[in-house]
Amino acid sequence: PETRDLMLQNIENNYEQIYEVVGMNLEGQKFPMEVVGRNCRYNGHPAHIIAVHDISERIRSQIELQTQLAYARALNRIAETIIIEENAAKILKRSAAIVGEMLRVDRSLIYRVSFKKRRASGLCEWLNPDVPDLAPTRNTFDLGLFMSAARHIRETRQHLESHRDRPHAAIGKDGAAEILHQQMNIASLLWYPFAFQEDGYHVFMVNQVRRVREWSQKEIEFLDAVAQLVSIAMIKSELLNERRQLEQQLLQKRKMEAIGTLAGGIAHDFNNILGAILGFCEVSLGQLSEGGHIYDNLSQIHTAAGRAREMVRQILTFSHHSDQEKQPVQIHQLVKEALNLIRASLPTTIQIQRQIDPDCGLVLADPTQLHQVIMNLCTNAHYAMRHRAGTLTVRLETVTVDEAMLLNIPLGKAGRYVRLSVADEGSGIEKAIINRIFDPFFTTKPPGQGTGMGLSVVHGIVKGHGGAITVESQPGGGSRFDIYLPR
């Protein structure tokens, strides 16, 4: 009534203006209308001409346009995040927040579903700040609780919607409806899958807690557009990670080749010098009687030169400049012999767990050098566990290395390989130095307790046999070295 009185007053005062007001039709239904009026005379008396136009359709079009613009702005925000940010976790977190804000839901999450690991892992979660006492639900769940729903999504590749009063059939099969709609108090949920892989997929999960809610087709289409963008972002992030790994492998390879070339050249010259020292020492010792002062001094020189020659031999092995007498070797027998030998030098606090596959067959190798590889790795494992009890695990098996695995294993080609793994429960290796452990003369041991050649020699022997070596370690969580040798 107040708006009507003001409108009539303005018309009487000759204020020509268009008004948008809410009217009521003959059925008692309210609708938006546009009103315009002006003064006139009718049969000689003052009168008003008023035109009324139903603008319901125009209002709907305006709301639709505003909604589409809001969706477009939201997608642009996600696209900008993808362009600027390389970290997949941050992209997922930002996307979940934008989806939650745009759809005006109570909770927005992204989960990773893995059928191989049989679990659903929460990656990120957004909670509506306007909803009080809203508890977070991001967690890692046993996939068995939601297996029917997870398989339904994998088979159909379609979104899934469920409500407290109308649970989806796939959710109801495993009793998941009770968990989701009753125990977790989710009135309505929408699961939208994306980034499908052989092992599983990712899924947007939006929840409405306060009330049952239907999602419109436009909202589903918006979520589909977001899912496509985020899928592209994850592919981009994965490719960038692969590129970094390959670049790091290439840099490491070039560094080791350069060090090997330099060390090999120096070692050859040094070996010639040592040959002369040892030769003249032996001649001189043969001309002297034992027990004399000069004899003792020459003996010390001879011993020191012998140690130096052993180090030169290790350097030449690292740099691939030593001769390798390769022959068919029953590697499982060689590993057993090496473990029997090293057992005598280990304290009783260290147990050896053997997982040796006797069907690994033959490898073309220098048995002496492979024996040295095993001894060096086991000796390092012993040193890592010197202050604690633990288990030294040695595993030998045949594996198939595919193209995907080559990203993390610097082998020339995919195929069948023999893998020798040596794992300890020691102090582990710090991330800051793990890329340097194969460098010659690099050691973390105190002066006098290590030359820094053990792992570099192992690296050189393995590369000389056409294989590869990788390491996994966590500070305080032990280390595992994996050696791959071609069959």
Protein backbone atom coordinates (compact mmCIF):
# COMPACT_ATOMS: atom_id res chain seq x y z
CA PRO A 1 0.00 0.00 0.00
CA GLU A 2 2.79 2.46 0.79
CA THR A 3 4.34 1.97 -2.64
CA ARG A 4 0.94 2.36 -4.33
CA ASP A 5 0.21 5.63 -2.50
CA LEU A 6 3.65 7.03 -3.37
CA MET A 7 3.24 6.00 -7.00
CA LEU A 8 -0.21 7.68 -7.28
CA GLN A 9 1.09 10.82 -5.59
CA ASN A 10 3.99 11.06 -8.06
CA ILE A 11 1.63 10.58 -11.00
CA GLU A 12 -0.63 13.37 -9.70
CA ASN A 13 2.44 15.61 -9.43
CA ASN A 14 3.32 14.80 -13.07
CA TYR A 15 6.42 12.77 -12.13
CA GLU A 16 6.54 10.37 -15.04
CA GLN A 17 8.50 7.33 -13.87
CA ILE A 18 8.55 3.60 -14.45
CA TYR A 19 8.00 1.54 -11.32
CA GLU A 20 8.82 -2.10 -10.69
CA VAL A 21 6.54 -3.46 -8.01
CA VAL A 22 5.02 -6.73 -6.87
CA GLY A 23 1.39 -7.17 -7.84
CA MET A 24 -1.26 -9.81 -7.36
CA ASN A 25 -3.38 -11.43 -10.06
CA LEU A 26 -7.00 -12.56 -9.82
CA GLU A 27 -5.91 -15.97 -8.51
CA GLY A 28 -4.14 -14.32 -5.60
CA GLN A 29 -0.64 -15.07 -6.92
CA LYS A 30 2.05 -12.43 -6.60
CA PHE A 31 4.13 -11.49 -9.63
CA PRO A 32 6.61 -8.72 -10.59
CA MET A 33 5.16 -6.00 -12.76
CA GLU A 34 6.16 -2.75 -14.37
CA VAL A 35 3.86 0.24 -13.85
CA VAL A 36 3.86 3.58 -15.68
CA GLY A 37 1.24 6.35 -15.40
CA ARG A 38 0.44 9.90 -16.41
CA ASN A 39 -2.27 12.50 -15.82
CA CYS A 40 -5.07 13.14 -18.31
CA ARG A 41 -8.66 14.35 -18.50
CA TYR A 42 -11.59 12.06 -19.08
CA ASN A 43 -15.03 13.50 -19.87
CA GLY A 44 -13.75 16.81 -18.65
CA HIS A 45 -12.51 15.48 -15.35
CA PRO A 46 -8.92 14.85 -14.14
CA ALA A 47 -7.91 11.21 -14.55
CA HIS A 48 -4.89 8.90 -14.60
CA ILE A 49 -3.78 6.52 -17.33
CA ILE A 50 -1.87 3.62 -15.79
CA ALA A 51 -0.24 0.79 -17.81
CA VAL A 52 0.73 -2.47 -16.11
CA HIS A 53 3.13 -5.01 -17.67
CA ASP A 54 4.02 -8.46 -16.31
CA ILE A 55 7.83 -8.65 -16.21
CA SER A 56 8.18 -12.15 -14.72
CA GLU A 57 9.97 -13.47 -17.79
CA ARG A 58 12.37 -10.54 -17.88
CA ILE A 59 13.21 -10.95 -14.20
CA ARG A 60 13.85 -14.66 -14.77
CA SER A 61 16.15 -13.83 -17.68
CA GLN A 62 18.05 -11.30 -15.58
CA ILE A 63 18.50 -13.79 -12.75
CA GLU A 64 19.62 -16.43 -15.25
CA LEU A 65 22.15 -14.03 -16.76
CA GLN A 66 23.49 -13.05 -13.33
CA THR A 67 23.83 -16.71 -12.41
CA GLN A 68 25.68 -17.52 -15.62
CA LEU A 69 28.01 -14.56 -15.06
CA ALA A 70 28.66 -15.75 -11.50
CA TYR A 71 29.46 -19.25 -12.78
CA ALA A 72 31.78 -17.79 -15.43
CA ARG A 73 33.60 -15.65 -12.86
CA ALA A 74 34.00 -18.69 -10.59
CA LEU A 75 35.44 -20.76 -13.46
CA ASN A 76 37.80 -17.90 -14.30
CA ARG A 77 39.02 -17.86 -10.70
CA ILE A 78 39.76 -21.58 -10.89
CA ALA A 79 41.48 -21.15 -14.26
CA GLU A 80 43.65 -18.35 -12.87
CA THR A 81 44.61 -20.57 -9.94
CA ILE A 82 45.58 -23.36 -12.34
CA ILE A 83 47.74 -20.98 -14.41
CA ILE A 84 49.54 -19.50 -11.41
CA GLU A 85 49.77 -22.55 -9.15
CA GLU A 86 51.68 -25.76 -9.95
CA ASN A 87 50.92 -27.56 -6.70
CA ALA A 88 47.97 -29.93 -7.26
CA ALA A 89 46.97 -29.94 -3.58
CA LYS A 90 46.58 -26.15 -3.53
CA ILE A 91 44.56 -26.22 -6.75
CA LEU A 92 42.20 -28.83 -5.29
CA LYS A 93 41.78 -26.87 -2.05
CA ARG A 94 40.99 -23.63 -3.91
CA SER A 95 38.56 -25.40 -6.25
CA ALA A 96 36.67 -27.03 -3.37
CA ALA A 97 36.23 -23.62 -1.73
CA ILE A 98 34.96 -21.97 -4.92
CA VAL A 99 32.49 -24.82 -5.54
CA GLY A 100 31.21 -24.53 -1.98
CA GLU A 101 30.74 -20.78 -2.23
CA MET A 102 29.04 -20.90 -5.64
CA LEU A 103 26.62 -23.73 -4.85
CA ARG A 104 25.95 -22.30 -1.38
CA VAL A 105 26.37 -25.69 0.27
CA ASP A 106 27.32 -26.39 3.87
CA ARG A 107 30.38 -28.49 3.09
CA SER A 108 32.55 -29.09 0.00
CA LEU A 109 35.24 -31.78 -0.17
CA ILE A 110 37.46 -33.61 -2.66
CA TYR A 111 38.30 -37.28 -2.11
CA ARG A 112 40.63 -39.72 -3.84
CA VAL A 113 39.08 -43.17 -4.32
CA SER A 114 41.61 -46.03 -4.67
CA PHE A 115 40.34 -49.54 -5.39
CA LYS A 116 43.87 -50.97 -5.13
CA LYS A 117 44.35 -49.59 -1.60
CA ARG A 118 40.64 -50.05 -0.81
CA ARG A 119 40.27 -46.63 0.72
CA ALA A 120 38.80 -43.19 0.13
CA SER A 121 41.18 -40.43 1.22
CA GLY A 122 40.04 -36.90 1.96
CA LEU A 123 42.31 -34.40 0.20
CA CYS A 124 40.70 -31.09 1.17
CA GLU A 125 37.56 -29.67 2.78
CA TRP A 126 35.72 -26.33 2.79
CA LEU A 127 33.18 -25.51 5.51
CA ASN A 128 30.55 -22.79 5.13
CA PRO A 129 31.53 -20.08 7.65
CA ASP A 130 27.86 -19.06 8.01
CA VAL A 131 26.88 -22.45 9.42
CA PRO A 132 27.60 -22.64 13.17
CA ASP A 133 28.98 -25.78 14.82
CA LEU A 134 29.69 -27.49 11.48
CA ALA A 135 32.12 -30.33 12.18
CA PRO A 136 34.79 -31.30 9.60
CA THR A 137 34.44 -34.77 8.10
CA ARG A 138 37.62 -35.07 5.97
CA ASN A 139 39.21 -38.41 6.81
CA THR A 140 40.46 -41.67 5.30
CA PHE A 141 37.74 -44.31 5.07
CA ASP A 142 37.77 -48.02 4.31
CA LEU A 143 36.31 -48.25 0.82
CA GLY A 144 34.35 -51.31 1.90
CA LEU A 145 31.89 -48.97 3.65
CA PHE A 146 30.97 -47.38 0.31
CA MET A 147 32.02 -50.07 -2.19
CA SER A 148 28.68 -50.31 -4.01
CA ALA A 149 28.52 -46.56 -4.52
CA ALA A 150 32.19 -46.38 -5.55
CA ARG A 151 31.73 -49.16 -8.12
CA HIS A 152 28.51 -47.61 -9.39
CA ILE A 153 30.34 -44.36 -10.10
CA ARG A 154 33.27 -46.16 -11.76
CA GLU A 155 30.95 -48.17 -14.01
CA THR A 156 28.58 -45.35 -14.97
CA ARG A 157 31.01 -42.42 -14.74
CA GLN A 158 28.01 -40.36 -13.65
CA HIS A 159 27.38 -38.24 -10.58
CA LEU A 160 25.45 -39.63 -7.64
CA GLU A 161 22.83 -37.75 -5.61
CA SER A 162 21.29 -38.97 -2.38
CA HIS A 163 18.91 -37.54 0.22
CA ARG A 164 17.96 -38.45 3.75
CA ASP A 165 14.35 -39.14 2.76
CA ARG A 166 15.34 -40.74 -0.59
CA PRO A 167 18.72 -42.54 -0.33
CA HIS A 168 20.36 -43.56 -3.59
CA ALA A 169 20.10 -47.32 -4.21
CA ALA A 170 23.90 -47.75 -4.51
CA ILE A 171 24.44 -46.04 -1.15
CA GLY A 172 21.77 -48.11 0.54
CA LYS A 173 23.36 -51.46 -0.42
CA ASP A 174 26.30 -51.34 1.99
CA GLY A 175 24.47 -49.61 4.78
CA ALA A 176 26.29 -46.41 3.83
CA ALA A 177 23.01 -44.47 3.90
CA GLU A 178 22.84 -44.97 7.67
CA ILE A 179 26.39 -43.67 8.08
CA LEU A 180 26.04 -40.70 5.75
CA HIS A 181 22.49 -39.51 6.31
CA GLN A 182 22.04 -40.43 9.96
CA GLN A 183 25.37 -40.70 11.77
CA MET A 184 27.08 -37.91 9.78
CA ASN A 185 23.82 -35.93 9.60
CA ILE A 186 24.02 -35.18 5.86
CA ALA A 187 20.57 -34.21 4.61
CA SER A 188 21.57 -34.19 0.93
CA LEU A 189 24.77 -35.06 -0.89
CA LEU A 190 26.11 -34.87 -4.42
CA TRP A 191 29.18 -36.83 -5.54
CA TYR A 192 30.71 -35.77 -8.85
CA PRO A 193 33.63 -37.93 -10.11
CA PHE A 194 36.52 -36.74 -12.26
CA ALA A 195 40.12 -37.60 -13.23
CA PHE A 196 39.43 -41.31 -13.76
CA GLN A 197 42.46 -43.61 -13.66
CA GLU A 198 42.97 -47.36 -13.75
CA ASP A 199 43.16 -47.53 -9.96
CA GLY A 200 40.27 -45.16 -9.15
CA TYR A 201 39.24 -41.54 -9.46
CA HIS A 202 38.76 -38.23 -7.65
CA VAL A 203 35.34 -36.99 -6.59
CA PHE A 204 33.79 -33.68 -5.58
CA MET A 205 31.53 -34.18 -2.55
CA VAL A 206 29.09 -31.40 -1.67
CA ASN A 207 26.90 -31.77 1.41
CA GLN A 208 23.81 -30.02 2.69
CA VAL A 209 23.39 -30.53 6.43
CA ARG A 210 20.62 -28.15 7.44
CA ARG A 211 17.97 -29.22 4.94
CA VAL A 212 17.20 -31.60 2.08
CA ARG A 213 18.11 -29.94 -1.19
CA GLU A 214 17.88 -30.71 -4.90
CA TRP A 215 20.62 -29.62 -7.29
CA SER A 216 19.55 -28.00 -10.55
CA GLN A 217 20.80 -28.95 -14.00
CA LYS A 218 22.70 -25.64 -14.19
CA GLU A 219 24.50 -26.47 -10.94
CA ILE A 220 25.41 -29.92 -12.26
CA GLU A 221 26.74 -28.35 -15.46
CA PHE A 222 28.82 -25.89 -13.43
CA LEU A 223 30.29 -28.75 -11.39
CA ASP A 224 31.05 -30.62 -14.62
CA ALA A 225 32.95 -27.60 -15.98
CA VAL A 226 34.93 -27.33 -12.73
CA ALA A 227 35.74 -31.05 -12.84
CA GLN A 228 37.07 -30.74 -16.39
CA LEU A 229 39.28 -27.78 -15.45
CA VAL A 230 40.66 -29.51 -12.37
CA SER A 231 41.30 -32.72 -14.35
CA ILE A 232 43.41 -30.71 -16.81
CA ALA A 233 45.23 -29.08 -13.88
CA MET A 234 46.08 -32.47 -12.40
CA ILE A 235 47.44 -33.69 -15.74
CA LYS A 236 49.51 -30.51 -15.96
CA SER A 237 50.85 -30.99 -12.43
CA GLU A 238 51.71 -34.64 -13.13
CA LEU A 239 53.54 -33.73 -16.35
CA LEU A 240 55.51 -31.01 -14.55
CA ASN A 241 56.52 -33.47 -11.84
CA GLU A 242 57.60 -36.01 -14.46
CA ARG A 243 59.60 -33.32 -16.24
CA ARG A 244 61.37 -32.31 -13.02
CA GLN A 245 62.21 -35.94 -12.26
CA LEU A 246 63.62 -36.49 -15.74
CA GLU A 247 65.63 -33.27 -15.57
CA GLN A 248 67.02 -34.27 -12.18
CA GLN A 249 67.92 -37.72 -13.48
CA LEU A 250 69.67 -36.16 -16.47
CA LEU A 251 71.60 -33.72 -14.28
CA GLN A 252 72.60 -36.51 -11.91
CA LYS A 253 73.72 -38.68 -14.82
CA ARG A 254 75.82 -35.89 -16.34
CA LYS A 255 77.32 -35.05 -12.96
CA MET A 256 78.29 -38.66 -12.29
CA GLU A 257 79.74 -39.02 -15.80
CA ALA A 258 81.81 -35.86 -15.37
CA ILE A 259 83.06 -36.94 -11.94
CA GLY A 260 83.79 -40.42 -13.27
CA THR A 261 85.79 -39.09 -16.22
CA LEU A 262 87.81 -36.78 -14.00
CA ALA A 263 88.37 -39.38 -11.30
CA GLY A 264 89.28 -42.06 -13.84
CA GLY A 265 91.91 -39.90 -15.51
CA ILE A 266 93.50 -38.92 -12.20
CA ALA A 267 93.37 -42.50 -10.94
CA HIS A 268 95.23 -43.85 -13.97
CA ASP A 269 98.07 -41.36 -13.50
CA PHE A 270 98.09 -41.97 -9.76
CA ASN A 271 98.20 -45.72 -10.36
CA ASN A 272 101.36 -45.35 -12.42
CA ILE A 273 103.01 -43.34 -9.63
CA LEU A 274 101.98 -45.94 -7.04
CA GLY A 275 103.35 -48.69 -9.24
CA ALA A 276 106.78 -47.08 -9.14
CA ILE A 277 106.60 -46.51 -5.36
CA LEU A 278 105.55 -50.09 -4.67
CA GLY A 279 108.13 -51.50 -7.07
CA PHE A 280 111.09 -49.63 -5.60
CA CYS A 281 109.84 -50.40 -2.05
CA GLU A 282 109.78 -54.12 -2.79
CA VAL A 283 113.24 -54.02 -4.36
CA SER A 284 114.64 -52.07 -1.41
CA LEU A 285 112.98 -54.34 1.15
CA GLY A 286 114.52 -57.34 -0.58
CA GLN A 287 117.96 -55.84 -0.07
CA LEU A 288 117.53 -55.14 3.66
CA SER A 289 117.31 -57.34 6.72
CA GLU A 290 114.14 -57.32 8.77
CA GLY A 291 114.08 -55.37 12.03
CA GLY A 292 116.16 -52.43 10.97
CA HIS A 293 114.93 -48.82 11.20
CA ILE A 294 115.04 -48.28 7.43
CA TYR A 295 113.31 -51.61 6.81
CA ASP A 296 110.43 -50.62 9.12
CA ASN A 297 110.03 -47.24 7.44
CA LEU A 298 109.95 -48.82 3.99
CA SER A 299 107.38 -51.35 5.21
CA GLN A 300 105.12 -48.51 6.35
CA ILE A 301 105.51 -46.84 2.95
CA HIS A 302 104.69 -50.13 1.21
CA THR A 303 101.57 -50.65 3.34
CA ALA A 304 100.33 -47.10 2.76
CA ALA A 305 100.94 -47.38 -0.98
CA GLY A 306 99.01 -50.66 -1.01
CA ARG A 307 96.03 -48.96 0.61
CA ALA A 308 96.27 -46.14 -1.89
CA ARG A 309 96.26 -48.67 -4.76
CA GLU A 310 93.09 -50.25 -3.32
CA MET A 311 91.42 -46.83 -3.29
CA VAL A 312 92.54 -46.25 -6.88
CA ARG A 313 90.99 -49.58 -7.81
CA GLN A 314 87.71 -48.43 -6.28
CA ILE A 315 87.89 -45.13 -8.16
CA LEU A 316 88.48 -46.98 -11.43
CA THR A 317 85.54 -49.25 -10.66
CA PHE A 318 83.33 -46.19 -10.06
CA SER A 319 84.47 -44.54 -13.29
CA HIS A 320 83.94 -47.73 -15.36
CA HIS A 321 87.63 -47.81 -16.28
CA SER A 322 88.32 -51.16 -14.67
CA ASP A 323 88.06 -54.42 -16.54
CA GLN A 324 84.93 -56.42 -15.79
CA GLU A 325 85.04 -60.16 -16.29
CA LYS A 326 81.37 -60.87 -16.87
CA GLN A 327 79.98 -64.36 -16.90
CA PRO A 328 76.60 -66.03 -16.28
CA VAL A 329 75.99 -65.92 -12.53
CA GLN A 330 73.38 -67.67 -10.40
CA ILE A 331 72.67 -64.50 -8.48
CA HIS A 332 70.60 -66.12 -5.73
CA GLN A 333 73.57 -68.33 -4.82
CA LEU A 334 75.91 -65.35 -4.82
CA VAL A 335 73.58 -63.37 -2.51
CA LYS A 336 73.32 -66.29 -0.09
CA GLU A 337 77.10 -66.69 0.03
CA ALA A 338 77.60 -62.97 0.70
CA LEU A 339 75.02 -62.98 3.50
CA ASN A 340 76.61 -66.02 5.12
CA LEU A 341 79.93 -64.19 5.08
CA ILE A 342 78.62 -60.93 6.50
CA ARG A 343 76.57 -62.64 9.21
CA ALA A 344 79.75 -63.33 11.16
CA SER A 345 80.61 -59.62 11.31
CA LEU A 346 77.18 -58.43 12.50
CA PRO A 347 76.27 -58.12 16.18
CA THR A 348 73.50 -60.28 17.61
CA THR A 349 71.27 -57.20 17.90
CA ILE A 350 70.90 -57.17 14.11
CA GLN A 351 68.79 -59.89 12.50
CA ILE A 352 68.98 -60.76 8.81
CA GLN A 353 65.71 -61.43 7.04
CA ARG A 354 66.21 -63.21 3.73
CA GLN A 355 63.60 -63.14 1.00
CA ILE A 356 65.49 -64.84 -1.80
CA ASP A 357 63.66 -66.11 -4.88
CA PRO A 358 65.67 -69.11 -6.17
CA ASP A 359 64.05 -68.82 -9.60
CA CYS A 360 65.65 -65.49 -10.54
CA GLY A 361 67.88 -67.31 -12.99
CA LEU A 362 71.17 -66.12 -14.47
CA VAL A 363 72.53 -62.61 -14.89
CA LEU A 364 75.60 -61.65 -16.90
CA ALA A 365 77.90 -60.12 -14.32
CA ASP A 366 81.28 -60.01 -12.64
CA PRO A 367 80.69 -62.14 -9.52
CA THR A 368 83.48 -60.45 -7.57
CA GLN A 369 82.04 -57.01 -8.17
CA LEU A 370 78.47 -58.07 -7.36
CA HIS A 371 79.78 -59.61 -4.16
CA GLN A 372 81.36 -56.24 -3.36
CA VAL A 373 78.04 -54.47 -4.02
CA ILE A 374 76.21 -56.69 -1.53
CA MET A 375 78.94 -56.36 1.08
CA ASN A 376 79.08 -52.55 0.76
CA LEU A 377 75.31 -52.14 1.09
CA CYS A 378 75.08 -54.52 4.05
CA THR A 379 78.02 -52.80 5.74
CA ASN A 380 76.28 -49.43 5.37
CA ALA A 381 73.08 -50.92 6.78
CA HIS A 382 75.05 -52.26 9.76
CA TYR A 383 76.54 -48.81 10.37
CA ALA A 384 73.08 -47.19 10.25
CA MET A 385 71.85 -49.58 12.98
CA ARG A 386 75.01 -49.50 15.11
CA HIS A 387 73.23 -47.81 18.04
CA ARG A 388 70.01 -49.80 17.95
CA ALA A 389 68.59 -53.27 17.42
CA GLY A 390 67.03 -53.87 14.05
CA THR A 391 66.49 -56.06 11.03
CA LEU A 392 68.53 -56.13 7.84
CA THR A 393 66.19 -57.25 5.06
CA VAL A 394 67.67 -58.56 1.82
CA ARG A 395 65.23 -59.40 -0.95
CA LEU A 396 65.91 -60.85 -4.39
CA GLU A 397 63.16 -61.14 -7.00
CA THR A 398 62.34 -60.81 -10.67
CA VAL A 399 60.27 -57.75 -11.62
CA THR A 400 58.81 -56.22 -14.75
CA VAL A 401 59.72 -52.55 -15.19
CA ASP A 402 57.15 -50.74 -17.34
CA GLU A 403 57.28 -47.32 -19.00
CA ALA A 404 55.70 -45.59 -15.99
CA MET A 405 58.31 -47.01 -13.61
CA LEU A 406 61.12 -45.70 -15.83
CA LEU A 407 60.27 -42.20 -14.59
CA ASN A 408 61.73 -43.14 -11.20
CA ILE A 409 64.23 -45.82 -12.22
CA PRO A 410 67.06 -44.65 -14.52
CA LEU A 411 67.10 -47.67 -16.82
CA GLY A 412 67.43 -47.56 -20.56
CA LYS A 413 64.30 -49.52 -21.40
CA ALA A 414 61.36 -51.39 -19.94
CA GLY A 415 61.54 -55.14 -19.47
CA ARG A 416 62.33 -57.95 -17.04
CA TYR A 417 64.96 -57.25 -14.39
CA VAL A 418 66.35 -58.87 -11.28
CA ARG A 419 65.84 -56.58 -8.29
CA LEU A 420 68.08 -56.81 -5.24
CA SER A 421 66.80 -54.82 -2.25
CA VAL A 422 68.74 -54.10 0.92
CA ALA A 423 66.73 -52.40 3.68
CA ASP A 424 67.63 -51.40 7.22
CA GLU A 425 65.83 -49.95 10.23
CA GLY A 426 68.54 -47.42 10.97
CA SER A 427 68.76 -43.67 11.26
CA GLY A 428 67.82 -42.95 7.65
CA ILE A 429 69.23 -40.32 5.29
CA GLU A 430 68.46 -36.60 5.44
CA LYS A 431 66.67 -35.19 2.38
CA ALA A 432 69.30 -32.48 2.05
CA ILE A 433 72.05 -34.99 1.25
CA ILE A 434 70.23 -37.92 -0.35
CA ASN A 435 71.15 -36.72 -3.86
CA ARG A 436 74.86 -36.66 -2.94
CA ILE A 437 75.31 -40.11 -1.41
CA PHE A 438 76.66 -41.63 -4.65
CA ASP A 439 79.27 -38.89 -5.11
CA PRO A 440 82.84 -40.15 -4.62
CA PHE A 441 84.48 -39.14 -1.34
CA PHE A 442 81.17 -37.94 0.12
CA THR A 443 80.60 -39.41 3.57
CA THR A 444 78.66 -38.61 6.72
CA LYS A 445 80.95 -40.73 8.86
CA PRO A 446 83.49 -39.14 11.23
CA PRO A 447 87.07 -38.70 9.96
CA GLY A 448 88.91 -41.97 9.82
CA GLN A 449 85.75 -44.12 9.68
CA GLY A 450 84.95 -43.90 6.00
CA THR A 451 86.46 -42.98 2.63
CA GLY A 452 83.23 -41.95 0.93
CA MET A 453 83.81 -44.49 -1.84
CA GLY A 454 81.46 -47.30 -0.76
CA LEU A 455 78.24 -46.17 -2.43
CA SER A 456 80.01 -44.52 -5.36
CA VAL A 457 81.68 -47.87 -6.11
CA VAL A 458 78.31 -49.61 -5.86
CA HIS A 459 76.87 -47.04 -8.28
CA GLY A 460 79.73 -47.53 -10.73
CA ILE A 461 79.48 -51.34 -10.65
CA VAL A 462 75.72 -51.32 -11.15
CA LYS A 463 75.91 -48.83 -14.04
CA GLY A 464 78.72 -50.86 -15.56
CA HIS A 465 76.40 -53.87 -15.60
CA GLY A 466 73.68 -51.93 -17.43
CA GLY A 467 71.57 -51.62 -14.30
CA ALA A 468 70.28 -48.91 -11.99
CA ILE A 469 70.17 -48.18 -8.28
CA THR A 470 67.53 -46.21 -6.37
CA VAL A 471 67.18 -45.26 -2.72
CA GLU A 472 64.22 -44.52 -0.47
CA SER A 473 64.78 -43.17 3.02
CA GLN A 474 63.14 -41.26 5.83
CA PRO A 475 65.14 -39.65 8.66
CA GLY A 476 64.71 -41.99 11.60
CA GLY A 477 62.80 -44.49 9.47
CA GLY A 478 65.53 -46.52 7.82
CA SER A 479 66.67 -46.80 4.20
CA ARG A 480 66.14 -49.15 1.28
CA PHE A 481 68.42 -49.52 -1.73
CA ASP A 482 67.01 -51.22 -4.84
CA ILE A 483 69.36 -52.52 -7.52
CA TYR A 484 68.01 -53.50 -10.95
CA LEU A 485 70.10 -55.80 -13.14
CA PRO A 486 69.10 -56.89 -16.66
CA ARG A 487 68.38 -60.58 -17.12
